[in-house]
Amino acid sequence: MADTRNILIAGVGGQGAILASNILSLAALEAGFDAKKSEIHGMSQRGGSVFSHIRFGSRVHSPVIPRGAVHVFLSLELMESLRWLDHLNPATRLVISSTRILPAMAESYPEGIEAALRKT
């Protein structure tokens, strides 16, 4: 629906992305909205990717945010921001942490992430 608001949270296991999505979902419910949430945290205990979709409005039919429909994007880790660029649009509000968590088995953190985000 047109009044549905979409928040996407991305991060790495242990950063609190799931806790943040739980708090936002409960706040939306307490405010009287219909709210739905979807989360993926498969390898989060090993520092893997974690993300959560939060949708709220007068009536929400699906917890999954369509591509290009994110209103607010909260990224808790810099590189995780890149995974979700196709879900953003020119009006998306971005809150991106500059935190860098070295991926498992990597010797160094990839360069050029900030430039890629600015370009997009």
PDB file of N, CA and C in Angstrom:
ATOM      1  N   MET A   1       0.829  -1.198   0.000  1.00  0.00           N
ATOM      2  CA  MET A   1       0.000   0.000   0.000  1.00  0.00           C
ATOM      3  C   MET A   1       0.864   1.249   0.000  1.00  0.00           C
ATOM      4  N   ALA A   2       0.287   2.334  -0.424  1.00  0.00           N
ATOM      5  CA  ALA A   2       1.028   3.585  -0.537  1.00  0.00           C
ATOM      6  C   ALA A   2       1.478   4.119   0.816  1.00  0.00           C
ATOM      7  N   ASP A   3       0.758   3.808   1.883  1.00  0.00           N
ATOM      8  CA  ASP A   3       1.143   4.341   3.191  1.00  0.00           C
ATOM      9  C   ASP A   3       2.124   3.441   3.939  1.00  0.00           C
ATOM     10  N   THR A   4       2.524   2.333   3.358  1.00  0.00           N
ATOM     11  CA  THR A   4       3.469   1.432   4.013  1.00  0.00           C
ATOM     12  C   THR A   4       4.863   2.039   3.986  1.00  0.00           C
ATOM     13  N   ARG A   5       5.508   2.047   5.137  1.00  0.00           N
ATOM     14  CA  ARG A   5       6.877   2.557   5.271  1.00  0.00           C
ATOM     15  C   ARG A   5       7.815   1.360   5.377  1.00  0.00           C
ATOM     16  N   ASN A   6       8.979   1.458   4.739  1.00  0.00           N
ATOM     17  CA  ASN A   6       9.925   0.352   4.658  1.00  0.00           C
ATOM     18  C   ASN A   6      11.285   0.745   5.221  1.00  0.00           C
ATOM     19  N   ILE A   7      11.759  -0.032   6.181  1.00  0.00           N
ATOM     20  CA  ILE A   7      13.066   0.186   6.791  1.00  0.00           C
ATOM     21  C   ILE A   7      13.888  -1.072   6.595  1.00  0.00           C
ATOM     22  N   LEU A   8      15.093  -0.914   6.097  1.00  0.00           N
ATOM     23  CA  LEU A   8      16.015  -2.026   5.901  1.00  0.00           C
ATOM     24  C   LEU A   8      17.222  -1.816   6.806  1.00  0.00           C
ATOM     25  N   ILE A   9      17.547  -2.840   7.592  1.00  0.00           N
ATOM     26  CA  ILE A   9      18.715  -2.804   8.471  1.00  0.00           C
ATOM     27  C   ILE A   9      19.668  -3.901   8.020  1.00  0.00           C
ATOM     28  N   ALA A  10      20.940  -3.545   7.847  1.00  0.00           N
ATOM     29  CA  ALA A  10      21.955  -4.512   7.433  1.00  0.00           C
ATOM     30  C   ALA A  10      23.165  -4.393   8.349  1.00  0.00           C
ATOM     31  N   GLY A  11      23.818  -5.513   8.579  1.00  0.00           N
ATOM     32  CA  GLY A  11      25.017  -5.496   9.406  1.00  0.00           C
ATOM     33  C   GLY A  11      25.682  -6.852   9.417  1.00  0.00           C
ATOM     34  N   VAL A  12      26.489  -7.051  10.430  1.00  0.00           N
ATOM     35  CA  VAL A  12      27.237  -8.282  10.625  1.00  0.00           C
ATOM     36  C   VAL A  12      26.828  -8.846  11.980  1.00  0.00           C
ATOM     37  N   GLY A  13      26.857 -10.166  12.090  1.00  0.00           N
ATOM     38  CA  GLY A  13      26.462 -10.822  13.338  1.00  0.00           C
ATOM     39  C   GLY A  13      27.104 -10.198  14.561  1.00  0.00           C
ATOM     40  N   GLY A  14      26.284  -9.933  15.572  1.00  0.00           N
ATOM     41  CA  GLY A  14      26.767  -9.372  16.822  1.00  0.00           C
ATOM     42  C   GLY A  14      26.642  -7.868  16.942  1.00  0.00           C
ATOM     43  N   GLN A  15      26.231  -7.197  15.872  1.00  0.00           N
ATOM     44  CA  GLN A  15      26.127  -5.739  15.906  1.00  0.00           C
ATOM     45  C   GLN A  15      24.789  -5.236  16.441  1.00  0.00           C
ATOM     46  N   GLY A  16      23.795  -6.085  16.537  1.00  0.00           N
ATOM     47  CA  GLY A  16      22.506  -5.665  17.060  1.00  0.00           C
ATOM     48  C   GLY A  16      21.456  -5.357  16.014  1.00  0.00           C
ATOM     49  N   ALA A  17      21.645  -5.808  14.783  1.00  0.00           N
ATOM     50  CA  ALA A  17      20.664  -5.540  13.730  1.00  0.00           C
ATOM     51  C   ALA A  17      19.309  -6.171  14.052  1.00  0.00           C
ATOM     52  N   ILE A  18      19.325  -7.385  14.572  1.00  0.00           N
ATOM     53  CA  ILE A  18      18.061  -8.064  14.903  1.00  0.00           C
ATOM     54  C   ILE A  18      17.381  -7.370  16.085  1.00  0.00           C
ATOM     55  N   LEU A  19      18.152  -6.998  17.095  1.00  0.00           N
ATOM     56  CA  LEU A  19      17.584  -6.268  18.229  1.00  0.00           C
ATOM     57  C   LEU A  19      16.964  -4.953  17.766  1.00  0.00           C
ATOM     58  N   ALA A  20      17.670  -4.220  16.896  1.00  0.00           N
ATOM     59  CA  ALA A  20      17.140  -2.951  16.387  1.00  0.00           C
ATOM     60  C   ALA A  20      15.832  -3.166  15.626  1.00  0.00           C
ATOM     61  N   SER A  21      15.766  -4.232  14.826  1.00  0.00           N
ATOM     62  CA  SER A  21      14.534  -4.497  14.073  1.00  0.00           C
ATOM     63  C   SER A  21      13.392  -4.906  14.997  1.00  0.00           C
ATOM     64  N   ASN A  22      13.698  -5.627  16.053  1.00  0.00           N
ATOM     65  CA  ASN A  22      12.667  -5.984  17.036  1.00  0.00           C
ATOM     66  C   ASN A  22      12.106  -4.738  17.709  1.00  0.00           C
ATOM     67  N   ILE A  23      12.983  -3.833  18.088  1.00  0.00           N
ATOM     68  CA  ILE A  23      12.555  -2.595  18.746  1.00  0.00           C
ATOM     69  C   ILE A  23      11.708  -1.751  17.810  1.00  0.00           C
ATOM     70  N   LEU A  24      12.146  -1.579  16.563  1.00  0.00           N
ATOM     71  CA  LEU A  24      11.370  -0.785  15.602  1.00  0.00           C
ATOM     72  C   LEU A  24      10.008  -1.401  15.320  1.00  0.00           C
ATOM     73  N   SER A  25       9.954  -2.715  15.181  1.00  0.00           N
ATOM     74  CA  SER A  25       8.678  -3.396  14.922  1.00  0.00           C
ATOM     75  C   SER A  25       7.718  -3.228  16.089  1.00  0.00           C
ATOM     76  N   LEU A  26       8.223  -3.408  17.294  1.00  0.00           N
ATOM     77  CA  LEU A  26       7.374  -3.239  18.484  1.00  0.00           C
ATOM     78  C   LEU A  26       6.902  -1.793  18.630  1.00  0.00           C
ATOM     79  N   ALA A  27       7.765  -0.838  18.320  1.00  0.00           N
ATOM     80  CA  ALA A  27       7.371   0.571  18.385  1.00  0.00           C
ATOM     81  C   ALA A  27       6.244   0.869  17.397  1.00  0.00           C
ATOM     82  N   ALA A  28       6.348   0.313  16.191  1.00  0.00           N
ATOM     83  CA  ALA A  28       5.296   0.518  15.190  1.00  0.00           C
ATOM     84  C   ALA A  28       3.973  -0.092  15.655  1.00  0.00           C
ATOM     85  N   LEU A  29       4.038  -1.291  16.229  1.00  0.00           N
ATOM     86  CA  LEU A  29       2.822  -1.931  16.746  1.00  0.00           C
ATOM     87  C   LEU A  29       2.209  -1.110  17.881  1.00  0.00           C
ATOM     88  N   GLU A  30       3.061  -0.633  18.786  1.00  0.00           N
ATOM     89  CA  GLU A  30       2.581   0.184  19.907  1.00  0.00           C
ATOM     90  C   GLU A  30       1.948   1.490  19.422  1.00  0.00           C
ATOM     91  N   ALA A  31       2.419   1.997  18.295  1.00  0.00           N
ATOM     92  CA  ALA A  31       1.868   3.233  17.727  1.00  0.00           C
ATOM     93  C   ALA A  31       0.573   2.987  16.952  1.00  0.00           C
ATOM     94  N   GLY A  32       0.154   1.713  16.871  1.00  0.00           N
ATOM     95  CA  GLY A  32      -1.114   1.395  16.236  1.00  0.00           C
ATOM     96  C   GLY A  32      -1.030   0.971  14.784  1.00  0.00           C
ATOM     97  N   PHE A  33       0.167   0.784  14.267  1.00  0.00           N
ATOM     98  CA  PHE A  33       0.338   0.342  12.887  1.00  0.00           C
ATOM     99  C   PHE A  33       0.313  -1.174  12.783  1.00  0.00           C
ATOM    100  N   ASP A  34      -0.033  -1.654  11.614  1.00  0.00           N
ATOM    101  CA  ASP A  34       0.210  -3.049  11.270  1.00  0.00           C
ATOM    102  C   ASP A  34       1.700  -3.115  10.945  1.00  0.00           C
ATOM    103  N   ALA A  35       2.401  -4.101  11.462  1.00  0.00           N
ATOM    104  CA  ALA A  35       3.847  -4.188  11.222  1.00  0.00           C
ATOM    105  C   ALA A  35       4.235  -5.621  10.909  1.00  0.00           C
ATOM    106  N   LYS A  36       5.159  -5.750   9.974  1.00  0.00           N
ATOM    107  CA  LYS A  36       5.696  -7.060   9.602  1.00  0.00           C
ATOM    108  C   LYS A  36       7.218  -6.943   9.576  1.00  0.00           C
ATOM    109  N   LYS A  37       7.893  -8.074   9.889  1.00  0.00           N
ATOM    110  CA  LYS A  37       9.346  -8.078   9.925  1.00  0.00           C
ATOM    111  C   LYS A  37       9.843  -9.394   9.362  1.00  0.00           C
ATOM    112  N   SER A  38      10.938  -9.319   8.625  1.00  0.00           N
ATOM    113  CA  SER A  38      11.600 -10.500   8.090  1.00  0.00           C
ATOM    114  C   SER A  38      13.085 -10.333   8.362  1.00  0.00           C
ATOM    115  N   GLU A  39      13.743 -11.413   8.795  1.00  0.00           N
ATOM    116  CA  GLU A  39      15.168 -11.304   9.102  1.00  0.00           C
ATOM    117  C   GLU A  39      15.915 -12.541   8.637  1.00  0.00           C
ATOM    118  N   ILE A  40      17.161 -12.346   8.319  1.00  0.00           N
ATOM    119  CA  ILE A  40      18.050 -13.438   7.952  1.00  0.00           C
ATOM    120  C   ILE A  40      19.313 -13.286   8.787  1.00  0.00           C
ATOM    121  N   HIS A  41      19.644 -14.336   9.510  1.00  0.00           N
ATOM    122  CA  HIS A  41      20.841 -14.281  10.353  1.00  0.00           C
ATOM    123  C   HIS A  41      21.517 -15.644  10.423  1.00  0.00           C
ATOM    124  N   GLY A  42      21.591 -16.325   9.291  1.00  0.00           N
ATOM    125  CA  GLY A  42      22.124 -17.678   9.222  1.00  0.00           C
ATOM    126  C   GLY A  42      23.503 -17.865   9.819  1.00  0.00           C
ATOM    127  N   MET A  43      24.496 -17.172   9.301  1.00  0.00           N
ATOM    128  CA  MET A  43      25.868 -17.323   9.790  1.00  0.00           C
ATOM    129  C   MET A  43      26.271 -16.164  10.699  1.00  0.00           C
ATOM    130  N   SER A  44      25.308 -15.526  11.308  1.00  0.00           N
ATOM    131  CA  SER A  44      25.592 -14.339  12.105  1.00  0.00           C
ATOM    132  C   SER A  44      26.521 -14.617  13.277  1.00  0.00           C
ATOM    133  N   GLN A  45      26.450 -15.827  13.843  1.00  0.00           N
ATOM    134  CA  GLN A  45      27.315 -16.136  14.980  1.00  0.00           C
ATOM    135  C   GLN A  45      28.775 -16.224  14.558  1.00  0.00           C
ATOM    136  N   ARG A  46      29.030 -16.324  13.284  1.00  0.00           N
ATOM    137  CA  ARG A  46      30.400 -16.383  12.776  1.00  0.00           C
ATOM    138  C   ARG A  46      30.776 -15.100  12.050  1.00  0.00           C
ATOM    139  N   GLY A  47      30.089 -14.016  12.359  1.00  0.00           N
ATOM    140  CA  GLY A  47      30.411 -12.731  11.756  1.00  0.00           C
ATOM    141  C   GLY A  47      29.850 -12.537  10.369  1.00  0.00           C
ATOM    142  N   GLY A  48      28.861 -13.335  10.001  1.00  0.00           N
ATOM    143  CA  GLY A  48      28.282 -13.249   8.671  1.00  0.00           C
ATOM    144  C   GLY A  48      27.249 -12.148   8.542  1.00  0.00           C
ATOM    145  N   SER A  49      26.734 -12.016   7.344  1.00  0.00           N
ATOM    146  CA  SER A  49      25.761 -10.991   7.007  1.00  0.00           C
ATOM    147  C   SER A  49      24.441 -11.201   7.752  1.00  0.00           C
ATOM    148  N   VAL A  50      23.878 -10.105   8.216  1.00  0.00           N
ATOM    149  CA  VAL A  50      22.582 -10.103   8.897  1.00  0.00           C
ATOM    150  C   VAL A  50      21.765  -8.963   8.297  1.00  0.00           C
ATOM    151  N   PHE A  51      20.497  -9.223   8.015  1.00  0.00           N
ATOM    152  CA  PHE A  51      19.648  -8.131   7.550  1.00  0.00           C
ATOM    153  C   PHE A  51      18.227  -8.350   8.009  1.00  0.00           C
ATOM    154  N   SER A  52      17.483  -7.262   8.074  1.00  0.00           N
ATOM    155  CA  SER A  52      16.097  -7.321   8.502  1.00  0.00           C
ATOM    156  C   SER A  52      15.280  -6.296   7.723  1.00  0.00           C
ATOM    157  N   HIS A  53      14.116  -6.731   7.269  1.00  0.00           N
ATOM    158  CA  HIS A  53      13.152  -5.855   6.614  1.00  0.00           C
ATOM    159  C   HIS A  53      12.073  -5.543   7.651  1.00  0.00           C
ATOM    160  N   ILE A  54      11.732  -4.275   7.811  1.00  0.00           N
ATOM    161  CA  ILE A  54      10.643  -3.862   8.692  1.00  0.00           C
ATOM    162  C   ILE A  54       9.686  -3.037   7.846  1.00  0.00           C
ATOM    163  N   ARG A  55       8.418  -3.422   7.878  1.00  0.00           N
ATOM    164  CA  ARG A  55       7.402  -2.690   7.114  1.00  0.00           C
ATOM    165  C   ARG A  55       6.243  -2.386   8.050  1.00  0.00           C
ATOM    166  N   PHE A  56       5.743  -1.159   7.993  1.00  0.00           N
ATOM    167  CA  PHE A  56       4.590  -0.802   8.819  1.00  0.00           C
ATOM    168  C   PHE A  56       3.709   0.204   8.097  1.00  0.00           C
ATOM    169  N   GLY A  57       2.438   0.180   8.444  1.00  0.00           N
ATOM    170  CA  GLY A  57       1.451   1.068   7.835  1.00  0.00           C
ATOM    171  C   GLY A  57       0.069   0.665   8.298  1.00  0.00           C
ATOM    172  N   SER A  58      -0.961   1.156   7.604  1.00  0.00           N
ATOM    173  CA  SER A  58      -2.318   0.804   8.016  1.00  0.00           C
ATOM    174  C   SER A  58      -2.608  -0.671   7.768  1.00  0.00           C
ATOM    175  N   ARG A  59      -2.051  -1.223   6.680  1.00  0.00           N
ATOM    176  CA  ARG A  59      -2.204  -2.656   6.386  1.00  0.00           C
ATOM    177  C   ARG A  59      -0.994  -3.101   5.572  1.00  0.00           C
ATOM    178  N   VAL A  60      -0.243  -4.054   6.101  1.00  0.00           N
ATOM    179  CA  VAL A  60       0.959  -4.562   5.437  1.00  0.00           C
ATOM    180  C   VAL A  60       0.703  -6.015   5.068  1.00  0.00           C
ATOM    181  N   HIS A  61       0.914  -6.364   3.815  1.00  0.00           N
ATOM    182  CA  HIS A  61       0.615  -7.712   3.347  1.00  0.00           C
ATOM    183  C   HIS A  61       1.828  -8.630   3.305  1.00  0.00           C
ATOM    184  N   SER A  62       3.026  -8.082   3.267  1.00  0.00           N
ATOM    185  CA  SER A  62       4.231  -8.903   3.171  1.00  0.00           C
ATOM    186  C   SER A  62       5.349  -8.269   3.988  1.00  0.00           C
ATOM    187  N   PRO A  63       6.178  -9.066   4.628  1.00  0.00           N
ATOM    188  CA  PRO A  63       7.300  -8.495   5.372  1.00  0.00           C
ATOM    189  C   PRO A  63       8.498  -8.147   4.497  1.00  0.00           C
ATOM    190  N   VAL A  64       8.495  -8.569   3.246  1.00  0.00           N
ATOM    191  CA  VAL A  64       9.660  -8.380   2.379  1.00  0.00           C
ATOM    192  C   VAL A  64       9.537  -7.074   1.593  1.00  0.00           C
ATOM    193  N   ILE A  65      10.570  -6.259   1.669  1.00  0.00           N
ATOM    194  CA  ILE A  65      10.593  -4.979   0.970  1.00  0.00           C
ATOM    195  C   ILE A  65      10.964  -5.210  -0.498  1.00  0.00           C
ATOM    196  N   PRO A  66      10.151  -4.722  -1.421  1.00  0.00           N
ATOM    197  CA  PRO A  66      10.495  -4.855  -2.841  1.00  0.00           C
ATOM    198  C   PRO A  66      11.734  -4.027  -3.204  1.00  0.00           C
ATOM    199  N   ARG A  67      12.424  -4.444  -4.239  1.00  0.00           N
ATOM    200  CA  ARG A  67      13.580  -3.674  -4.723  1.00  0.00           C
ATOM    201  C   ARG A  67      13.151  -2.251  -5.056  1.00  0.00           C
ATOM    202  N   GLY A  68      13.980  -1.315  -4.666  1.00  0.00           N
ATOM    203  CA  GLY A  68      13.720   0.089  -4.967  1.00  0.00           C
ATOM    204  C   GLY A  68      12.717   0.762  -4.061  1.00  0.00           C
ATOM    205  N   ALA A  69      12.251   0.085  -3.008  1.00  0.00           N
ATOM    206  CA  ALA A  69      11.170   0.628  -2.183  1.00  0.00           C
ATOM    207  C   ALA A  69      11.571   0.938  -0.739  1.00  0.00           C
ATOM    208  N   VAL A  70      12.865   0.959  -0.434  1.00  0.00           N
ATOM    209  CA  VAL A  70      13.307   1.258   0.935  1.00  0.00           C
ATOM    210  C   VAL A  70      13.182   2.752   1.202  1.00  0.00           C
ATOM    211  N   HIS A  71      12.543   3.101   2.318  1.00  0.00           N
ATOM    212  CA  HIS A  71      12.442   4.497   2.726  1.00  0.00           C
ATOM    213  C   HIS A  71      13.631   4.898   3.601  1.00  0.00           C
ATOM    214  N   VAL A  72      14.024   4.005   4.514  1.00  0.00           N
ATOM    215  CA  VAL A  72      15.156   4.259   5.406  1.00  0.00           C
ATOM    216  C   VAL A  72      16.062   3.038   5.383  1.00  0.00           C
ATOM    217  N   PHE A  73      17.346   3.280   5.139  1.00  0.00           N
ATOM    218  CA  PHE A  73      18.346   2.216   5.137  1.00  0.00           C
ATOM    219  C   PHE A  73      19.341   2.486   6.249  1.00  0.00           C
ATOM    220  N   LEU A  74      19.418   1.548   7.191  1.00  0.00           N
ATOM    221  CA  LEU A  74      20.360   1.626   8.304  1.00  0.00           C
ATOM    222  C   LEU A  74      21.381   0.518   8.127  1.00  0.00           C
ATOM    223  N   SER A  75      22.622   0.902   7.864  1.00  0.00           N
ATOM    224  CA  SER A  75      23.693  -0.078   7.696  1.00  0.00           C
ATOM    225  C   SER A  75      24.677   0.071   8.844  1.00  0.00           C
ATOM    226  N   LEU A  76      24.901  -1.018   9.548  1.00  0.00           N
ATOM    227  CA  LEU A  76      25.782  -1.014  10.709  1.00  0.00           C
ATOM    228  C   LEU A  76      27.227  -1.352  10.357  1.00  0.00           C
ATOM    229  N   GLU A  77      27.478  -1.714   9.098  1.00  0.00           N
ATOM    230  CA  GLU A  77      28.829  -2.066   8.647  1.00  0.00           C
ATOM    231  C   GLU A  77      28.982  -1.605   7.209  1.00  0.00           C
ATOM    232  N   LEU A  78      30.093  -0.960   6.909  1.00  0.00           N
ATOM    233  CA  LEU A  78      30.270  -0.287   5.626  1.00  0.00           C
ATOM    234  C   LEU A  78      30.080  -1.200   4.411  1.00  0.00           C
ATOM    235  N   MET A  79      30.753  -2.331   4.374  1.00  0.00           N
ATOM    236  CA  MET A  79      30.667  -3.203   3.206  1.00  0.00           C
ATOM    237  C   MET A  79      29.267  -3.798   3.029  1.00  0.00           C
ATOM    238  N   GLU A  80      28.564  -4.031   4.120  1.00  0.00           N
ATOM    239  CA  GLU A  80      27.202  -4.565   4.014  1.00  0.00           C
ATOM    240  C   GLU A  80      26.274  -3.606   3.276  1.00  0.00           C
ATOM    241  N   SER A  81      26.626  -2.325   3.251  1.00  0.00           N
ATOM    242  CA  SER A  81      25.823  -1.333   2.519  1.00  0.00           C
ATOM    243  C   SER A  81      25.740  -1.664   1.039  1.00  0.00           C
ATOM    244  N   LEU A  82      26.809  -2.186   0.480  1.00  0.00           N
ATOM    245  CA  LEU A  82      26.855  -2.473  -0.956  1.00  0.00           C
ATOM    246  C   LEU A  82      25.877  -3.557  -1.386  1.00  0.00           C
ATOM    247  N   ARG A  83      25.589  -4.487  -0.502  1.00  0.00           N
ATOM    248  CA  ARG A  83      24.700  -5.605  -0.852  1.00  0.00           C
ATOM    249  C   ARG A  83      23.283  -5.149  -1.191  1.00  0.00           C
ATOM    250  N   TRP A  84      22.890  -3.982  -0.715  1.00  0.00           N
ATOM    251  CA  TRP A  84      21.489  -3.573  -0.782  1.00  0.00           C
ATOM    252  C   TRP A  84      21.215  -2.392  -1.686  1.00  0.00           C
ATOM    253  N   LEU A  85      22.162  -1.997  -2.504  1.00  0.00           N
ATOM    254  CA  LEU A  85      21.978  -0.818  -3.351  1.00  0.00           C
ATOM    255  C   LEU A  85      20.766  -0.930  -4.265  1.00  0.00           C
ATOM    256  N   ASP A  86      20.445  -2.142  -4.718  1.00  0.00           N
ATOM    257  CA  ASP A  86      19.302  -2.301  -5.624  1.00  0.00           C
ATOM    258  C   ASP A  86      17.952  -2.128  -4.916  1.00  0.00           C
ATOM    259  N   HIS A  87      17.946  -2.085  -3.591  1.00  0.00           N
ATOM    260  CA  HIS A  87      16.710  -1.871  -2.850  1.00  0.00           C
ATOM    261  C   HIS A  87      16.452  -0.388  -2.564  1.00  0.00           C
ATOM    262  N   LEU A  88      17.460   0.445  -2.827  1.00  0.00           N
ATOM    263  CA  LEU A  88      17.348   1.873  -2.538  1.00  0.00           C
ATOM    264  C   LEU A  88      16.794   2.621  -3.741  1.00  0.00           C
ATOM    265  N   ASN A  89      16.411   3.860  -3.509  1.00  0.00           N
ATOM    266  CA  ASN A  89      15.927   4.739  -4.567  1.00  0.00           C
ATOM    267  C   ASN A  89      16.425   6.148  -4.257  1.00  0.00           C
ATOM    268  N   PRO A  90      16.237   7.096  -5.158  1.00  0.00           N
ATOM    269  CA  PRO A  90      16.768   8.444  -4.907  1.00  0.00           C
ATOM    270  C   PRO A  90      16.222   9.121  -3.642  1.00  0.00           C
ATOM    271  N   ALA A  91      15.074   8.710  -3.154  1.00  0.00           N
ATOM    272  CA  ALA A  91      14.494   9.326  -1.957  1.00  0.00           C
ATOM    273  C   ALA A  91      14.844   8.581  -0.667  1.00  0.00           C
ATOM    274  N   THR A  92      15.545   7.470  -0.758  1.00  0.00           N
ATOM    275  CA  THR A  92      15.895   6.693   0.435  1.00  0.00           C
ATOM    276  C   THR A  92      16.785   7.512   1.361  1.00  0.00           C
ATOM    277  N   ARG A  93      16.449   7.491   2.636  1.00  0.00           N
ATOM    278  CA  ARG A  93      17.288   8.127   3.664  1.00  0.00           C
ATOM    279  C   ARG A  93      18.317   7.094   4.104  1.00  0.00           C
ATOM    280  N   LEU A  94      19.591   7.481   4.114  1.00  0.00           N
ATOM    281  CA  LEU A  94      20.665   6.567   4.461  1.00  0.00           C
ATOM    282  C   LEU A  94      21.286   6.923   5.802  1.00  0.00           C
ATOM    283  N   VAL A  95      21.503   5.902   6.617  1.00  0.00           N
ATOM    284  CA  VAL A  95      22.278   6.027   7.843  1.00  0.00           C
ATOM    285  C   VAL A  95      23.291   4.888   7.772  1.00  0.00           C
ATOM    286  N   ILE A  96      24.542   5.240   7.440  1.00  0.00           N
ATOM    287  CA  ILE A  96      25.563   4.222   7.197  1.00  0.00           C
ATOM    288  C   ILE A  96      26.727   4.432   8.155  1.00  0.00           C
ATOM    289  N   SER A  97      26.988   3.417   8.943  1.00  0.00           N
ATOM    290  CA  SER A  97      28.131   3.455   9.854  1.00  0.00           C
ATOM    291  C   SER A  97      29.420   3.240   9.066  1.00  0.00           C
ATOM    292  N   SER A  98      30.478   3.877   9.488  1.00  0.00           N
ATOM    293  CA  SER A  98      31.781   3.687   8.849  1.00  0.00           C
ATOM    294  C   SER A  98      32.543   2.505   9.458  1.00  0.00           C
ATOM    295  N   THR A  99      31.885   1.755  10.333  1.00  0.00           N
ATOM    296  CA  THR A  99      32.500   0.586  10.952  1.00  0.00           C
ATOM    297  C   THR A  99      32.931  -0.405   9.883  1.00  0.00           C
ATOM    298  N   ARG A 100      34.147  -0.921  10.030  1.00  0.00           N
ATOM    299  CA  ARG A 100      34.694  -1.901   9.084  1.00  0.00           C
ATOM    300  C   ARG A 100      35.032  -3.174   9.852  1.00  0.00           C
ATOM    301  N   ILE A 101      34.370  -4.244   9.505  1.00  0.00           N
ATOM    302  CA  ILE A 101      34.641  -5.552  10.113  1.00  0.00           C
ATOM    303  C   ILE A 101      35.238  -6.436   9.031  1.00  0.00           C
ATOM    304  N   LEU A 102      36.439  -6.862   9.249  1.00  0.00           N
ATOM    305  CA  LEU A 102      37.149  -7.671   8.263  1.00  0.00           C
ATOM    306  C   LEU A 102      36.411  -8.980   8.020  1.00  0.00           C
ATOM    307  N   PRO A 103      36.070  -9.262   6.762  1.00  0.00           N
ATOM    308  CA  PRO A 103      35.378 -10.519   6.454  1.00  0.00           C
ATOM    309  C   PRO A 103      36.264 -11.729   6.789  1.00  0.00           C
ATOM    310  N   ALA A 104      35.613 -12.831   7.139  1.00  0.00           N
ATOM    311  CA  ALA A 104      36.350 -14.062   7.432  1.00  0.00           C
ATOM    312  C   ALA A 104      37.216 -14.440   6.245  1.00  0.00           C
ATOM    313  N   MET A 105      38.404 -14.899   6.516  1.00  0.00           N
ATOM    314  CA  MET A 105      39.361 -15.375   5.515  1.00  0.00           C
ATOM    315  C   MET A 105      39.957 -14.246   4.675  1.00  0.00           C
ATOM    316  N   ALA A 106      39.635 -12.993   4.963  1.00  0.00           N
ATOM    317  CA  ALA A 106      40.205 -11.875   4.207  1.00  0.00           C
ATOM    318  C   ALA A 106      41.430 -11.344   4.932  1.00  0.00           C
ATOM    319  N   GLU A 107      42.399 -10.892   4.162  1.00  0.00           N
ATOM    320  CA  GLU A 107      43.612 -10.332   4.755  1.00  0.00           C
ATOM    321  C   GLU A 107      43.530  -8.819   4.913  1.00  0.00           C
ATOM    322  N   SER A 108      42.682  -8.190   4.121  1.00  0.00           N
ATOM    323  CA  SER A 108      42.525  -6.747   4.228  1.00  0.00           C
ATOM    324  C   SER A 108      41.096  -6.362   3.844  1.00  0.00           C
ATOM    325  N   TYR A 109      40.707  -5.186   4.270  1.00  0.00           N
ATOM    326  CA  TYR A 109      39.372  -4.693   3.976  1.00  0.00           C
ATOM    327  C   TYR A 109      39.367  -4.096   2.563  1.00  0.00           C
ATOM    328  N   PRO A 110      38.353  -4.380   1.767  1.00  0.00           N
ATOM    329  CA  PRO A 110      38.301  -3.854   0.397  1.00  0.00           C
ATOM    330  C   PRO A 110      38.312  -2.323   0.374  1.00  0.00           C
ATOM    331  N   GLU A 111      38.965  -1.773  -0.614  1.00  0.00           N
ATOM    332  CA  GLU A 111      39.044  -0.316  -0.788  1.00  0.00           C
ATOM    333  C   GLU A 111      37.923   0.166  -1.712  1.00  0.00           C
ATOM    334  N   GLY A 112      37.631   1.442  -1.638  1.00  0.00           N
ATOM    335  CA  GLY A 112      36.718   2.077  -2.577  1.00  0.00           C
ATOM    336  C   GLY A 112      35.243   1.953  -2.256  1.00  0.00           C
ATOM    337  N   ILE A 113      34.899   1.470  -1.085  1.00  0.00           N
ATOM    338  CA  ILE A 113      33.479   1.283  -0.762  1.00  0.00           C
ATOM    339  C   ILE A 113      32.761   2.629  -0.642  1.00  0.00           C
ATOM    340  N   GLU A 114      33.379   3.581   0.040  1.00  0.00           N
ATOM    341  CA  GLU A 114      32.749   4.904   0.190  1.00  0.00           C
ATOM    342  C   GLU A 114      32.506   5.548  -1.176  1.00  0.00           C
ATOM    343  N   ALA A 115      33.479   5.427  -2.062  1.00  0.00           N
ATOM    344  CA  ALA A 115      33.342   6.010  -3.406  1.00  0.00           C
ATOM    345  C   ALA A 115      32.191   5.350  -4.166  1.00  0.00           C
ATOM    346  N   ALA A 116      32.074   4.040  -4.044  1.00  0.00           N
ATOM    347  CA  ALA A 116      30.985   3.323  -4.719  1.00  0.00           C
ATOM    348  C   ALA A 116      29.633   3.747  -4.170  1.00  0.00           C
ATOM    349  N   LEU A 117      29.532   3.951  -2.867  1.00  0.00           N
ATOM    350  CA  LEU A 117      28.276   4.401  -2.251  1.00  0.00           C
ATOM    351  C   LEU A 117      27.929   5.819  -2.703  1.00  0.00           C
ATOM    352  N   ARG A 118      28.905   6.689  -2.732  1.00  0.00           N
ATOM    353  CA  ARG A 118      28.650   8.065  -3.178  1.00  0.00           C
ATOM    354  C   ARG A 118      28.214   8.111  -4.635  1.00  0.00           C
ATOM    355  N   LYS A 119      28.847   7.293  -5.475  1.00  0.00           N
ATOM    356  CA  LYS A 119      28.518   7.236  -6.891  1.00  0.00           C
ATOM    357  C   LYS A 119      27.072   6.780  -7.104  1.00  0.00           C
ATOM    358  N   THR A 120      26.666   5.807  -6.336  1.00  0.00           N
ATOM    359  CA  THR A 120      25.314   5.288  -6.458  1.00  0.00           C
ATOM    360  C   THR A 120      24.305   6.291  -5.956  1.00  0.00           C
TER     361      THR A 120
END
